[in-house]
Amino acid sequence: MSPLLESPVSISLESAGLLLTPEEFDAINEYDEHYRYELIHGVLVVSPIPSPAETGPNELLAVFLWQYQRNHPSGHTLDDTLPQQYVCTPSGRRLADRLIWTGLNRLPDTKDDLPTIAVEFVSGGRRNRKRDYEDKRTEYREAGLKEYWIFDRFAESLTVISYKGKKDTVLVLNEGDEFESPLLPGFVVPIAEILTAAKRRAK
């Protein structure tokens, strides 16, 4: 059985498998920056930092979002967007590749204001695909998000999941398609550019 950490101070790769409460996880302020940390159903999960094939297109998406915020007539709808931020789920803490806040009309408090959209860039491997397509889909719904975007360079697609009541709406788009979220009016997601950037860095 994994050990229970009563008073966490710092964590590293060796800390994987520790049993923590969300409050204990939130209290940690020292960690090895070469890894990512998530709390999933009370268990600390330690993962490598994202690859260039994930961080590159993530940064590109940020550029398009900031251009929309500054130049589009409806750009004020976008309150903020940040990479590598935690989503508080009922049973843990999930680290999203990117979070987007809309509709607040102010700079969000990342600790208290629920994000509107989560964005993930799929990593290789069956386990990672299950995490992005199944586990996080469920947990983001439970957390109260409104949309979930999944950029998949392997399938050359963008999957958009809209959480509406108890039923999810799933839309799968290819590189040549266009998508405009009702949460970001006038922002056409640059699907082709994002997927091209991901595939180029994966070589």
N, C-alpha and C. Protein backbone atom coordinates (compact mmCIF):
# COMPACT_ATOMS: atom_id res chain seq x y z
N MET A 1 0.85 -1.19 0.00
CA MET A 1 0.00 0.00 0.00
C MET A 1 0.88 1.24 0.00
N SER A 2 0.48 2.24 -0.76
CA SER A 2 1.24 3.48 -0.82
C SER A 2 1.17 4.21 0.50
N PRO A 3 2.26 4.87 0.89
CA PRO A 3 2.27 5.58 2.17
C PRO A 3 1.39 6.80 2.14
N LEU A 4 0.86 7.18 3.30
CA LEU A 4 0.05 8.38 3.43
C LEU A 4 0.94 9.50 3.92
N LEU A 5 0.94 10.61 3.20
CA LEU A 5 1.75 11.75 3.57
C LEU A 5 0.90 12.70 4.40
N GLU A 6 1.22 12.87 5.70
CA GLU A 6 0.40 13.67 6.59
C GLU A 6 0.70 15.16 6.45
N SER A 7 1.97 15.51 6.35
CA SER A 7 2.37 16.92 6.27
C SER A 7 3.32 17.10 5.10
N PRO A 8 2.83 17.17 3.87
CA PRO A 8 3.71 17.26 2.72
C PRO A 8 4.50 18.57 2.71
N VAL A 9 5.75 18.47 2.36
CA VAL A 9 6.61 19.65 2.26
C VAL A 9 7.11 19.80 0.83
N SER A 10 7.70 18.74 0.28
CA SER A 10 8.19 18.78 -1.08
C SER A 10 7.94 17.43 -1.75
N ILE A 11 7.88 17.44 -3.09
CA ILE A 11 7.65 16.21 -3.83
C ILE A 11 8.59 16.15 -5.03
N SER A 12 8.81 14.92 -5.52
CA SER A 12 9.68 14.67 -6.66
C SER A 12 9.22 13.39 -7.34
N LEU A 13 10.03 12.86 -8.23
CA LEU A 13 9.68 11.62 -8.93
C LEU A 13 9.43 10.48 -7.95
N GLU A 14 10.21 10.45 -6.88
CA GLU A 14 10.08 9.38 -5.90
C GLU A 14 8.78 9.46 -5.10
N SER A 15 8.08 10.57 -5.22
CA SER A 15 6.85 10.75 -4.45
C SER A 15 5.64 10.10 -5.13
N ALA A 16 5.81 9.60 -6.35
CA ALA A 16 4.70 9.00 -7.08
C ALA A 16 4.04 7.90 -6.26
N GLY A 17 2.72 7.92 -6.20
CA GLY A 17 1.98 6.91 -5.47
C GLY A 17 1.57 7.31 -4.07
N LEU A 18 2.04 8.46 -3.60
CA LEU A 18 1.64 8.92 -2.27
C LEU A 18 0.14 9.18 -2.23
N LEU A 19 -0.46 8.88 -1.09
CA LEU A 19 -1.88 9.16 -0.90
C LEU A 19 -2.02 10.54 -0.24
N LEU A 20 -2.75 11.43 -0.90
CA LEU A 20 -2.90 12.78 -0.41
C LEU A 20 -4.34 13.23 -0.50
N THR A 21 -4.72 14.14 0.36
CA THR A 21 -6.00 14.82 0.21
C THR A 21 -5.77 16.02 -0.69
N PRO A 22 -6.83 16.56 -1.29
CA PRO A 22 -6.65 17.78 -2.10
C PRO A 22 -6.01 18.92 -1.30
N GLU A 23 -6.35 19.02 -0.02
CA GLU A 23 -5.79 20.08 0.81
C GLU A 23 -4.30 19.88 1.02
N GLU A 24 -3.87 18.65 1.21
CA GLU A 24 -2.45 18.37 1.37
C GLU A 24 -1.70 18.67 0.07
N PHE A 25 -2.31 18.30 -1.04
CA PHE A 25 -1.68 18.57 -2.33
C PHE A 25 -1.51 20.08 -2.54
N ASP A 26 -2.55 20.84 -2.21
CA ASP A 26 -2.51 22.29 -2.40
C ASP A 26 -1.47 22.96 -1.51
N ALA A 27 -1.12 22.32 -0.38
CA ALA A 27 -0.18 22.91 0.57
C ALA A 27 1.28 22.73 0.15
N ILE A 28 1.54 21.88 -0.84
CA ILE A 28 2.91 21.63 -1.28
C ILE A 28 3.45 22.85 -2.03
N ASN A 29 4.61 23.31 -1.64
CA ASN A 29 5.20 24.48 -2.32
C ASN A 29 6.63 24.24 -2.80
N GLU A 30 7.13 23.03 -2.63
CA GLU A 30 8.45 22.69 -3.14
C GLU A 30 8.34 21.41 -3.95
N TYR A 31 8.92 21.43 -5.17
CA TYR A 31 8.81 20.27 -6.04
C TYR A 31 9.91 20.32 -7.09
N ASP A 32 10.23 19.15 -7.64
CA ASP A 32 11.21 19.03 -8.72
C ASP A 32 10.55 19.52 -10.00
N GLU A 33 11.06 20.60 -10.58
CA GLU A 33 10.43 21.23 -11.74
C GLU A 33 10.60 20.44 -13.03
N HIS A 34 11.30 19.32 -12.99
CA HIS A 34 11.47 18.50 -14.19
C HIS A 34 10.28 17.57 -14.42
N TYR A 35 9.29 17.62 -13.53
CA TYR A 35 8.14 16.72 -13.64
C TYR A 35 6.84 17.49 -13.42
N ARG A 36 5.74 16.84 -13.81
CA ARG A 36 4.40 17.38 -13.58
C ARG A 36 3.72 16.53 -12.53
N TYR A 37 2.85 17.16 -11.74
CA TYR A 37 2.21 16.47 -10.63
C TYR A 37 0.70 16.65 -10.69
N GLU A 38 -0.02 15.53 -10.52
CA GLU A 38 -1.47 15.56 -10.48
C GLU A 38 -1.93 14.70 -9.32
N LEU A 39 -3.10 15.04 -8.81
CA LEU A 39 -3.72 14.23 -7.77
C LEU A 39 -4.97 13.61 -8.38
N ILE A 40 -4.94 12.29 -8.53
CA ILE A 40 -6.02 11.58 -9.21
C ILE A 40 -6.60 10.55 -8.25
N HIS A 41 -7.85 10.79 -7.83
CA HIS A 41 -8.52 9.91 -6.87
C HIS A 41 -7.67 9.69 -5.62
N GLY A 42 -7.03 10.77 -5.16
CA GLY A 42 -6.27 10.70 -3.93
C GLY A 42 -4.85 10.18 -4.07
N VAL A 43 -4.42 9.87 -5.28
CA VAL A 43 -3.07 9.31 -5.50
C VAL A 43 -2.24 10.33 -6.29
N LEU A 44 -1.02 10.57 -5.83
CA LEU A 44 -0.11 11.50 -6.52
C LEU A 44 0.48 10.82 -7.75
N VAL A 45 0.27 11.42 -8.91
CA VAL A 45 0.80 10.90 -10.17
C VAL A 45 1.86 11.86 -10.68
N VAL A 46 3.05 11.34 -10.99
CA VAL A 46 4.17 12.14 -11.45
C VAL A 46 4.47 11.79 -12.90
N SER A 47 4.54 12.79 -13.77
CA SER A 47 4.73 12.57 -15.21
C SER A 47 5.85 13.46 -15.74
N PRO A 48 6.44 13.08 -16.87
CA PRO A 48 7.46 13.94 -17.50
C PRO A 48 6.83 15.26 -17.95
N ILE A 49 7.64 16.29 -18.11
CA ILE A 49 7.14 17.55 -18.64
C ILE A 49 6.71 17.34 -20.09
N PRO A 50 5.81 18.18 -20.62
CA PRO A 50 5.31 17.99 -21.98
C PRO A 50 6.43 18.08 -23.02
N SER A 51 6.26 17.36 -24.12
CA SER A 51 7.24 17.36 -25.19
C SER A 51 7.07 18.61 -26.06
N PRO A 52 8.07 18.93 -26.90
CA PRO A 52 7.94 20.07 -27.82
C PRO A 52 6.73 19.94 -28.75
N ALA A 53 6.34 18.70 -29.07
CA ALA A 53 5.17 18.50 -29.94
C ALA A 53 3.88 18.90 -29.25
N GLU A 54 3.92 19.08 -27.93
CA GLU A 54 2.77 19.54 -27.17
C GLU A 54 2.90 21.01 -26.80
N THR A 55 4.09 21.40 -26.33
CA THR A 55 4.26 22.79 -25.89
C THR A 55 4.29 23.77 -27.07
N GLY A 56 4.85 23.35 -28.21
CA GLY A 56 4.92 24.23 -29.37
C GLY A 56 3.55 24.68 -29.85
N PRO A 57 2.67 23.75 -30.21
CA PRO A 57 1.34 24.16 -30.65
C PRO A 57 0.52 24.83 -29.56
N ASN A 58 0.81 24.49 -28.31
CA ASN A 58 0.12 25.15 -27.20
C ASN A 58 0.45 26.63 -27.16
N GLU A 59 1.72 26.96 -27.37
CA GLU A 59 2.13 28.35 -27.40
C GLU A 59 1.54 29.07 -28.62
N LEU A 60 1.45 28.35 -29.74
CA LEU A 60 0.87 28.94 -30.94
C LEU A 60 -0.60 29.27 -30.72
N LEU A 61 -1.31 28.37 -30.06
CA LEU A 61 -2.72 28.64 -29.75
C LEU A 61 -2.85 29.88 -28.88
N ALA A 62 -1.93 30.05 -27.95
CA ALA A 62 -1.96 31.23 -27.08
C ALA A 62 -1.82 32.50 -27.90
N VAL A 63 -0.95 32.48 -28.90
CA VAL A 63 -0.75 33.65 -29.75
C VAL A 63 -2.05 34.02 -30.47
N PHE A 64 -2.73 33.03 -31.04
CA PHE A 64 -3.98 33.28 -31.74
C PHE A 64 -5.05 33.82 -30.78
N LEU A 65 -5.06 33.29 -29.56
CA LEU A 65 -6.04 33.75 -28.57
C LEU A 65 -5.79 35.19 -28.16
N TRP A 66 -4.53 35.53 -27.96
CA TRP A 66 -4.21 36.91 -27.58
C TRP A 66 -4.50 37.88 -28.72
N GLN A 67 -4.26 37.45 -29.95
CA GLN A 67 -4.59 38.30 -31.10
C GLN A 67 -6.09 38.54 -31.16
N TYR A 68 -6.86 37.51 -30.90
CA TYR A 68 -8.32 37.63 -30.86
C TYR A 68 -8.73 38.60 -29.76
N GLN A 69 -8.16 38.46 -28.58
CA GLN A 69 -8.54 39.32 -27.46
C GLN A 69 -8.25 40.80 -27.75
N ARG A 70 -7.15 41.06 -28.39
CA ARG A 70 -6.72 42.45 -28.61
C ARG A 70 -7.31 43.09 -29.85
N ASN A 71 -7.61 42.29 -30.87
CA ASN A 71 -7.97 42.87 -32.16
C ASN A 71 -9.41 42.64 -32.61
N HIS A 72 -10.08 41.64 -32.06
CA HIS A 72 -11.43 41.32 -32.52
C HIS A 72 -12.46 42.12 -31.72
N PRO A 73 -13.55 42.55 -32.37
CA PRO A 73 -14.59 43.31 -31.65
C PRO A 73 -15.17 42.55 -30.45
N SER A 74 -15.16 41.23 -30.51
CA SER A 74 -15.68 40.43 -29.39
C SER A 74 -14.56 39.89 -28.51
N GLY A 75 -13.35 40.39 -28.71
CA GLY A 75 -12.20 39.87 -27.98
C GLY A 75 -12.28 40.03 -26.48
N HIS A 76 -13.11 40.98 -26.02
CA HIS A 76 -13.27 41.18 -24.58
C HIS A 76 -13.90 39.96 -23.89
N THR A 77 -14.51 39.08 -24.70
CA THR A 77 -15.10 37.86 -24.14
C THR A 77 -14.04 36.98 -23.49
N LEU A 78 -12.84 37.01 -24.04
CA LEU A 78 -11.73 36.22 -23.49
C LEU A 78 -11.13 36.97 -22.30
N ASP A 79 -11.28 36.42 -21.12
CA ASP A 79 -10.74 37.05 -19.91
C ASP A 79 -9.26 36.74 -19.74
N ASP A 80 -8.89 35.46 -19.95
CA ASP A 80 -7.49 35.07 -19.78
C ASP A 80 -7.30 33.65 -20.30
N THR A 81 -6.06 33.31 -20.59
CA THR A 81 -5.69 31.95 -20.95
C THR A 81 -4.30 31.68 -20.44
N LEU A 82 -4.09 30.51 -19.83
CA LEU A 82 -2.81 30.17 -19.23
C LEU A 82 -2.49 28.71 -19.49
N PRO A 83 -1.19 28.38 -19.67
CA PRO A 83 -0.80 26.98 -19.85
C PRO A 83 -0.54 26.30 -18.52
N GLN A 84 -0.66 24.99 -18.52
CA GLN A 84 -0.26 24.17 -17.38
C GLN A 84 -0.87 24.65 -16.07
N GLN A 85 -2.20 24.63 -16.02
CA GLN A 85 -2.92 25.06 -14.83
C GLN A 85 -3.78 23.92 -14.30
N TYR A 86 -4.01 23.94 -12.99
CA TYR A 86 -4.78 22.89 -12.35
C TYR A 86 -6.28 23.13 -12.44
N VAL A 87 -7.01 22.03 -12.64
CA VAL A 87 -8.46 22.02 -12.55
C VAL A 87 -8.81 21.25 -11.28
N CYS A 88 -9.58 21.88 -10.40
CA CYS A 88 -9.99 21.21 -9.17
C CYS A 88 -11.17 20.30 -9.46
N THR A 89 -10.95 19.00 -9.40
CA THR A 89 -12.01 18.02 -9.61
C THR A 89 -12.53 17.56 -8.25
N PRO A 90 -13.66 16.88 -8.21
CA PRO A 90 -14.20 16.43 -6.92
C PRO A 90 -13.25 15.54 -6.13
N SER A 91 -12.34 14.82 -6.83
CA SER A 91 -11.47 13.88 -6.12
C SER A 91 -9.99 14.17 -6.28
N GLY A 92 -9.64 15.32 -6.88
CA GLY A 92 -8.22 15.57 -7.05
C GLY A 92 -7.89 16.86 -7.77
N ARG A 93 -6.74 16.87 -8.42
CA ARG A 93 -6.25 18.02 -9.15
C ARG A 93 -5.69 17.55 -10.48
N ARG A 94 -6.32 18.00 -11.58
CA ARG A 94 -5.87 17.64 -12.91
C ARG A 94 -5.11 18.80 -13.52
N LEU A 95 -3.99 18.51 -14.17
CA LEU A 95 -3.19 19.54 -14.81
C LEU A 95 -3.56 19.60 -16.29
N ALA A 96 -4.15 20.71 -16.71
CA ALA A 96 -4.56 20.88 -18.10
C ALA A 96 -3.44 21.55 -18.89
N ASP A 97 -3.31 21.19 -20.16
CA ASP A 97 -2.30 21.83 -21.00
C ASP A 97 -2.57 23.32 -21.14
N ARG A 98 -3.85 23.68 -21.24
CA ARG A 98 -4.22 25.10 -21.30
C ARG A 98 -5.64 25.27 -20.78
N LEU A 99 -5.85 26.37 -20.05
CA LEU A 99 -7.19 26.73 -19.60
C LEU A 99 -7.57 28.09 -20.16
N ILE A 100 -8.86 28.26 -20.41
CA ILE A 100 -9.39 29.51 -20.96
C ILE A 100 -10.56 29.95 -20.08
N TRP A 101 -10.54 31.23 -19.70
CA TRP A 101 -11.63 31.82 -18.92
C TRP A 101 -12.39 32.81 -19.79
N THR A 102 -13.71 32.73 -19.81
CA THR A 102 -14.51 33.66 -20.59
C THR A 102 -15.70 34.15 -19.76
N GLY A 103 -16.22 35.31 -20.16
CA GLY A 103 -17.47 35.80 -19.61
C GLY A 103 -17.42 36.44 -18.24
N LEU A 104 -16.24 36.61 -17.65
CA LEU A 104 -16.15 37.23 -16.33
C LEU A 104 -16.06 38.75 -16.41
N ASN A 105 -15.53 39.23 -17.54
CA ASN A 105 -15.29 40.66 -17.73
C ASN A 105 -14.27 41.22 -16.74
N ARG A 106 -13.35 40.38 -16.34
CA ARG A 106 -12.26 40.79 -15.46
C ARG A 106 -11.19 39.72 -15.51
N LEU A 107 -10.02 40.04 -14.96
CA LEU A 107 -8.96 39.05 -14.88
C LEU A 107 -9.35 37.99 -13.85
N PRO A 108 -9.37 36.73 -14.21
CA PRO A 108 -9.83 35.71 -13.27
C PRO A 108 -8.84 35.45 -12.15
N ASP A 109 -9.37 35.03 -11.03
CA ASP A 109 -8.57 34.51 -9.94
C ASP A 109 -8.43 33.01 -10.20
N THR A 110 -7.26 32.56 -10.57
CA THR A 110 -7.09 31.17 -11.01
C THR A 110 -7.37 30.16 -9.90
N LYS A 111 -7.37 30.61 -8.65
CA LYS A 111 -7.64 29.69 -7.55
C LYS A 111 -9.13 29.54 -7.28
N ASP A 112 -9.90 30.58 -7.61
CA ASP A 112 -11.31 30.57 -7.27
C ASP A 112 -12.26 30.55 -8.47
N ASP A 113 -11.83 31.11 -9.60
CA ASP A 113 -12.72 31.20 -10.76
C ASP A 113 -12.59 29.96 -11.64
N LEU A 114 -13.69 29.30 -11.84
CA LEU A 114 -13.72 28.09 -12.66
C LEU A 114 -13.40 28.43 -14.11
N PRO A 115 -12.46 27.72 -14.73
CA PRO A 115 -12.19 27.95 -16.15
C PRO A 115 -13.39 27.53 -16.99
N THR A 116 -13.47 28.09 -18.18
CA THR A 116 -14.58 27.79 -19.09
C THR A 116 -14.23 26.64 -20.03
N ILE A 117 -13.00 26.67 -20.54
CA ILE A 117 -12.55 25.70 -21.54
C ILE A 117 -11.22 25.11 -21.12
N ALA A 118 -11.09 23.80 -21.25
CA ALA A 118 -9.81 23.12 -21.06
C ALA A 118 -9.32 22.64 -22.42
N VAL A 119 -8.00 22.71 -22.62
CA VAL A 119 -7.40 22.28 -23.88
C VAL A 119 -6.31 21.26 -23.59
N GLU A 120 -6.31 20.17 -24.33
CA GLU A 120 -5.28 19.15 -24.19
C GLU A 120 -4.67 18.84 -25.55
N PHE A 121 -3.37 18.51 -25.54
CA PHE A 121 -2.65 18.07 -26.72
C PHE A 121 -2.23 16.62 -26.47
N VAL A 122 -2.79 15.72 -27.25
CA VAL A 122 -2.65 14.29 -26.97
C VAL A 122 -1.20 13.83 -27.06
N SER A 123 -0.79 13.05 -26.05
CA SER A 123 0.54 12.43 -26.04
C SER A 123 0.44 11.02 -26.61
N GLY A 124 1.58 10.48 -27.00
CA GLY A 124 1.61 9.12 -27.54
C GLY A 124 1.35 8.08 -26.46
N GLY A 125 0.84 6.94 -26.88
CA GLY A 125 0.62 5.84 -25.94
C GLY A 125 -0.84 5.64 -25.60
N ARG A 126 -1.26 4.37 -25.47
CA ARG A 126 -2.66 4.05 -25.20
C ARG A 126 -3.12 4.63 -23.87
N ARG A 127 -2.27 4.57 -22.87
CA ARG A 127 -2.64 5.07 -21.54
C ARG A 127 -2.91 6.58 -21.58
N ASN A 128 -2.06 7.31 -22.31
CA ASN A 128 -2.24 8.75 -22.41
C ASN A 128 -3.51 9.10 -23.19
N ARG A 129 -3.81 8.34 -24.23
CA ARG A 129 -5.02 8.60 -25.01
C ARG A 129 -6.27 8.37 -24.15
N LYS A 130 -6.25 7.32 -23.36
CA LYS A 130 -7.38 7.06 -22.47
C LYS A 130 -7.54 8.20 -21.47
N ARG A 131 -6.43 8.68 -20.94
CA ARG A 131 -6.47 9.79 -19.99
C ARG A 131 -7.11 11.01 -20.61
N ASP A 132 -6.67 11.37 -21.85
CA ASP A 132 -7.15 12.59 -22.47
C ASP A 132 -8.57 12.47 -22.99
N TYR A 133 -8.91 11.32 -23.58
CA TYR A 133 -10.23 11.17 -24.20
C TYR A 133 -11.31 10.70 -23.24
N GLU A 134 -10.94 9.97 -22.22
CA GLU A 134 -11.95 9.39 -21.32
C GLU A 134 -11.90 9.98 -19.91
N ASP A 135 -10.74 9.83 -19.25
CA ASP A 135 -10.66 10.25 -17.85
C ASP A 135 -10.88 11.74 -17.68
N LYS A 136 -10.13 12.54 -18.44
CA LYS A 136 -10.25 13.99 -18.29
C LYS A 136 -11.61 14.49 -18.78
N ARG A 137 -12.16 13.83 -19.78
CA ARG A 137 -13.50 14.22 -20.23
C ARG A 137 -14.51 14.14 -19.09
N THR A 138 -14.46 13.04 -18.36
CA THR A 138 -15.38 12.87 -17.24
C THR A 138 -15.09 13.86 -16.12
N GLU A 139 -13.81 14.01 -15.79
CA GLU A 139 -13.45 14.86 -14.66
C GLU A 139 -13.70 16.34 -14.95
N TYR A 140 -13.50 16.78 -16.18
CA TYR A 140 -13.78 18.17 -16.52
C TYR A 140 -15.28 18.45 -16.47
N ARG A 141 -16.08 17.47 -16.86
CA ARG A 141 -17.53 17.63 -16.74
C ARG A 141 -17.92 17.78 -15.27
N GLU A 142 -17.36 16.90 -14.42
CA GLU A 142 -17.67 16.93 -13.00
C GLU A 142 -17.20 18.23 -12.35
N ALA A 143 -16.12 18.81 -12.89
CA ALA A 143 -15.59 20.05 -12.32
C ALA A 143 -16.45 21.26 -12.69
N GLY A 144 -17.26 21.13 -13.76
CA GLY A 144 -18.15 22.21 -14.14
C GLY A 144 -17.70 23.03 -15.33
N LEU A 145 -16.70 22.55 -16.08
CA LEU A 145 -16.28 23.27 -17.28
C LEU A 145 -17.37 23.20 -18.35
N LYS A 146 -17.28 24.11 -19.34
CA LYS A 146 -18.30 24.15 -20.39
C LYS A 146 -17.85 23.48 -21.68
N GLU A 147 -16.52 23.51 -21.95
CA GLU A 147 -16.01 22.88 -23.16
C GLU A 147 -14.64 22.26 -22.90
N TYR A 148 -14.33 21.27 -23.75
CA TYR A 148 -13.05 20.57 -23.68
C TYR A 148 -12.57 20.34 -25.10
N TRP A 149 -11.39 20.92 -25.44
CA TRP A 149 -10.81 20.76 -26.77
C TRP A 149 -9.65 19.76 -26.70
N ILE A 150 -9.63 18.80 -27.60
CA ILE A 150 -8.56 17.80 -27.64
C ILE A 150 -7.90 17.85 -29.02
N PHE A 151 -6.69 18.38 -29.07
CA PHE A 151 -5.91 18.39 -30.31
C PHE A 151 -5.11 17.09 -30.38
N ASP A 152 -5.31 16.34 -31.46
CA ASP A 152 -4.69 15.03 -31.61
C ASP A 152 -3.88 15.00 -32.91
N ARG A 153 -2.56 15.12 -32.78
CA ARG A 153 -1.71 15.12 -33.97
C ARG A 153 -1.64 13.75 -34.62
N PHE A 154 -1.91 12.71 -33.88
CA PHE A 154 -1.86 11.35 -34.42
C PHE A 154 -3.09 11.09 -35.31
N ALA A 155 -4.24 11.50 -34.87
CA ALA A 155 -5.47 11.33 -35.64
C ALA A 155 -5.72 12.51 -36.57
N GLU A 156 -4.86 13.55 -36.47
CA GLU A 156 -5.00 14.76 -37.27
C GLU A 156 -6.40 15.35 -37.11
N SER A 157 -6.79 15.55 -35.85
CA SER A 157 -8.15 16.01 -35.58
C SER A 157 -8.21 16.90 -34.34
N LEU A 158 -9.31 17.63 -34.24
CA LEU A 158 -9.67 18.35 -33.04
C LEU A 158 -11.02 17.83 -32.59
N THR A 159 -11.11 17.34 -31.38
CA THR A 159 -12.37 16.89 -30.81
C THR A 159 -12.84 17.94 -29.80
N VAL A 160 -14.05 18.41 -29.99
CA VAL A 160 -14.63 19.41 -29.09
C VAL A 160 -15.78 18.77 -28.35
N ILE A 161 -15.70 18.78 -27.03
CA ILE A 161 -16.76 18.22 -26.19
C ILE A 161 -17.42 19.38 -25.45
N SER A 162 -18.71 19.53 -25.68
CA SER A 162 -19.49 20.58 -25.02
C SER A 162 -20.32 19.92 -23.92
N TYR A 163 -20.21 20.47 -22.72
CA TYR A 163 -20.95 19.92 -21.58
C TYR A 163 -22.25 20.71 -21.42
N LYS A 164 -23.34 20.07 -21.73
CA LYS A 164 -24.64 20.72 -21.63
C LYS A 164 -25.58 19.81 -20.84
N GLY A 165 -25.79 20.16 -19.58
CA GLY A 165 -26.61 19.32 -18.73
C GLY A 165 -25.94 17.98 -18.49
N LYS A 166 -26.71 16.92 -18.59
CA LYS A 166 -26.17 15.59 -18.36
C LYS A 166 -25.64 14.93 -19.64
N LYS A 167 -25.83 15.60 -20.77
CA LYS A 167 -25.42 15.01 -22.03
C LYS A 167 -24.29 15.80 -22.66
N ASP A 168 -23.25 15.09 -23.11
CA ASP A 168 -22.13 15.73 -23.80
C ASP A 168 -22.41 15.75 -25.30
N THR A 169 -22.03 16.86 -25.93
CA THR A 169 -22.08 16.96 -27.38
C THR A 169 -20.65 16.85 -27.89
N VAL A 170 -20.39 15.90 -28.79
CA VAL A 170 -19.04 15.64 -29.30
C VAL A 170 -18.97 16.00 -30.77
N LEU A 171 -17.99 16.83 -31.11
CA LEU A 171 -17.77 17.24 -32.48
C LEU A 171 -16.32 16.94 -32.85
N VAL A 172 -16.12 16.14 -33.91
CA VAL A 172 -14.78 15.79 -34.37
C VAL A 172 -14.50 16.51 -35.68
N LEU A 173 -13.43 17.30 -35.70
CA LEU A 173 -13.09 18.10 -36.87
C LEU A 173 -11.73 17.71 -37.40
N ASN A 174 -11.57 17.82 -38.72
CA ASN A 174 -10.31 17.53 -39.38
C ASN A 174 -9.55 18.82 -39.67
N GLU A 175 -8.36 18.68 -40.23
CA GLU A 175 -7.49 19.84 -40.46
C GLU A 175 -8.15 20.91 -41.34
N GLY A 176 -8.94 20.49 -42.32
CA GLY A 176 -9.54 21.46 -43.23
C GLY A 176 -10.84 22.07 -42.73
N ASP A 177 -11.30 21.64 -41.55
CA ASP A 177 -12.56 22.15 -41.02
C ASP A 177 -12.35 23.44 -40.23
N GLU A 178 -13.46 24.12 -39.95
CA GLU A 178 -13.42 25.31 -39.11
C GLU A 178 -14.32 25.11 -37.90
N PHE A 179 -13.90 25.70 -36.78
CA PHE A 179 -14.72 25.62 -35.57
C PHE A 179 -14.69 26.96 -34.86
N GLU A 180 -15.88 27.43 -34.51
CA GLU A 180 -16.01 28.66 -33.74
C GLU A 180 -16.86 28.36 -32.51
N SER A 181 -16.25 28.47 -31.34
CA SER A 181 -16.98 28.19 -30.11
C SER A 181 -17.93 29.33 -29.79
N PRO A 182 -19.14 29.02 -29.35
CA PRO A 182 -20.06 30.09 -28.92
C PRO A 182 -19.55 30.82 -27.69
N LEU A 183 -18.58 30.24 -27.01
CA LEU A 183 -17.99 30.86 -25.84
C LEU A 183 -16.96 31.92 -26.21
N LEU A 184 -16.48 31.87 -27.46
CA LEU A 184 -15.51 32.84 -27.98
C LEU A 184 -15.99 33.31 -29.35
N PRO A 185 -17.05 34.12 -29.39
CA PRO A 185 -17.64 34.51 -30.67
C PRO A 185 -16.64 35.22 -31.58
N GLY A 186 -16.57 34.73 -32.81
CA GLY A 186 -15.67 35.34 -33.79
C GLY A 186 -14.29 34.74 -33.82
N PHE A 187 -13.97 33.87 -32.86
CA PHE A 187 -12.65 33.22 -32.85
C PHE A 187 -12.74 31.89 -33.57
N VAL A 188 -12.12 31.81 -34.73
CA VAL A 188 -12.09 30.57 -35.50
C VAL A 188 -10.83 29.80 -35.09
N VAL A 189 -11.01 28.65 -34.49
CA VAL A 189 -9.87 27.88 -34.00
C VAL A 189 -8.98 27.48 -35.17
N PRO A 190 -7.69 27.82 -35.13
CA PRO A 190 -6.79 27.52 -36.25
C PRO A 190 -6.35 26.05 -36.24
N ILE A 191 -7.27 25.17 -36.59
CA ILE A 191 -7.02 23.74 -36.48
C ILE A 191 -5.81 23.30 -37.31
N ALA A 192 -5.77 23.70 -38.56
CA ALA A 192 -4.69 23.26 -39.45
C ALA A 192 -3.34 23.74 -38.95
N GLU A 193 -3.26 25.01 -38.54
CA GLU A 193 -1.99 25.56 -38.07
C GLU A 193 -1.50 24.85 -36.81
N ILE A 194 -2.43 24.57 -35.89
CA ILE A 194 -2.05 23.91 -34.64
C ILE A 194 -1.56 22.49 -34.89
N LEU A 195 -2.29 21.74 -35.69
CA LEU A 195 -1.90 20.35 -35.96
C LEU A 195 -0.61 20.29 -36.77
N THR A 196 -0.42 21.21 -37.71
CA THR A 196 0.82 21.24 -38.49
C THR A 196 2.01 21.52 -37.59
N ALA A 197 1.85 22.46 -36.64
CA ALA A 197 2.92 22.77 -35.70
C ALA A 197 3.26 21.57 -34.84
N ALA A 198 2.25 20.82 -34.43
CA ALA A 198 2.48 19.64 -33.59
C ALA A 198 3.23 18.55 -34.36
N LYS A 199 2.79 18.30 -35.58
CA LYS A 199 3.43 17.25 -36.38
C LYS A 199 4.86 17.63 -36.76
N ARG A 200 5.10 18.90 -37.03
CA ARG A 200 6.44 19.34 -37.40
C ARG A 200 7.42 19.15 -36.24
N ARG A 201 7.01 19.46 -35.03
CA ARG A 201 7.87 19.31 -33.87
C ARG A 201 8.03 17.86 -33.44
N ALA A 202 7.13 17.00 -33.88
CA ALA A 202 7.20 15.59 -33.48
C ALA A 202 8.21 14.83 -34.30
N LYS A 203 8.71 15.41 -35.38
CA LYS A 203 9.64 14.69 -36.26
C LYS A 203 11.04 14.63 -35.65
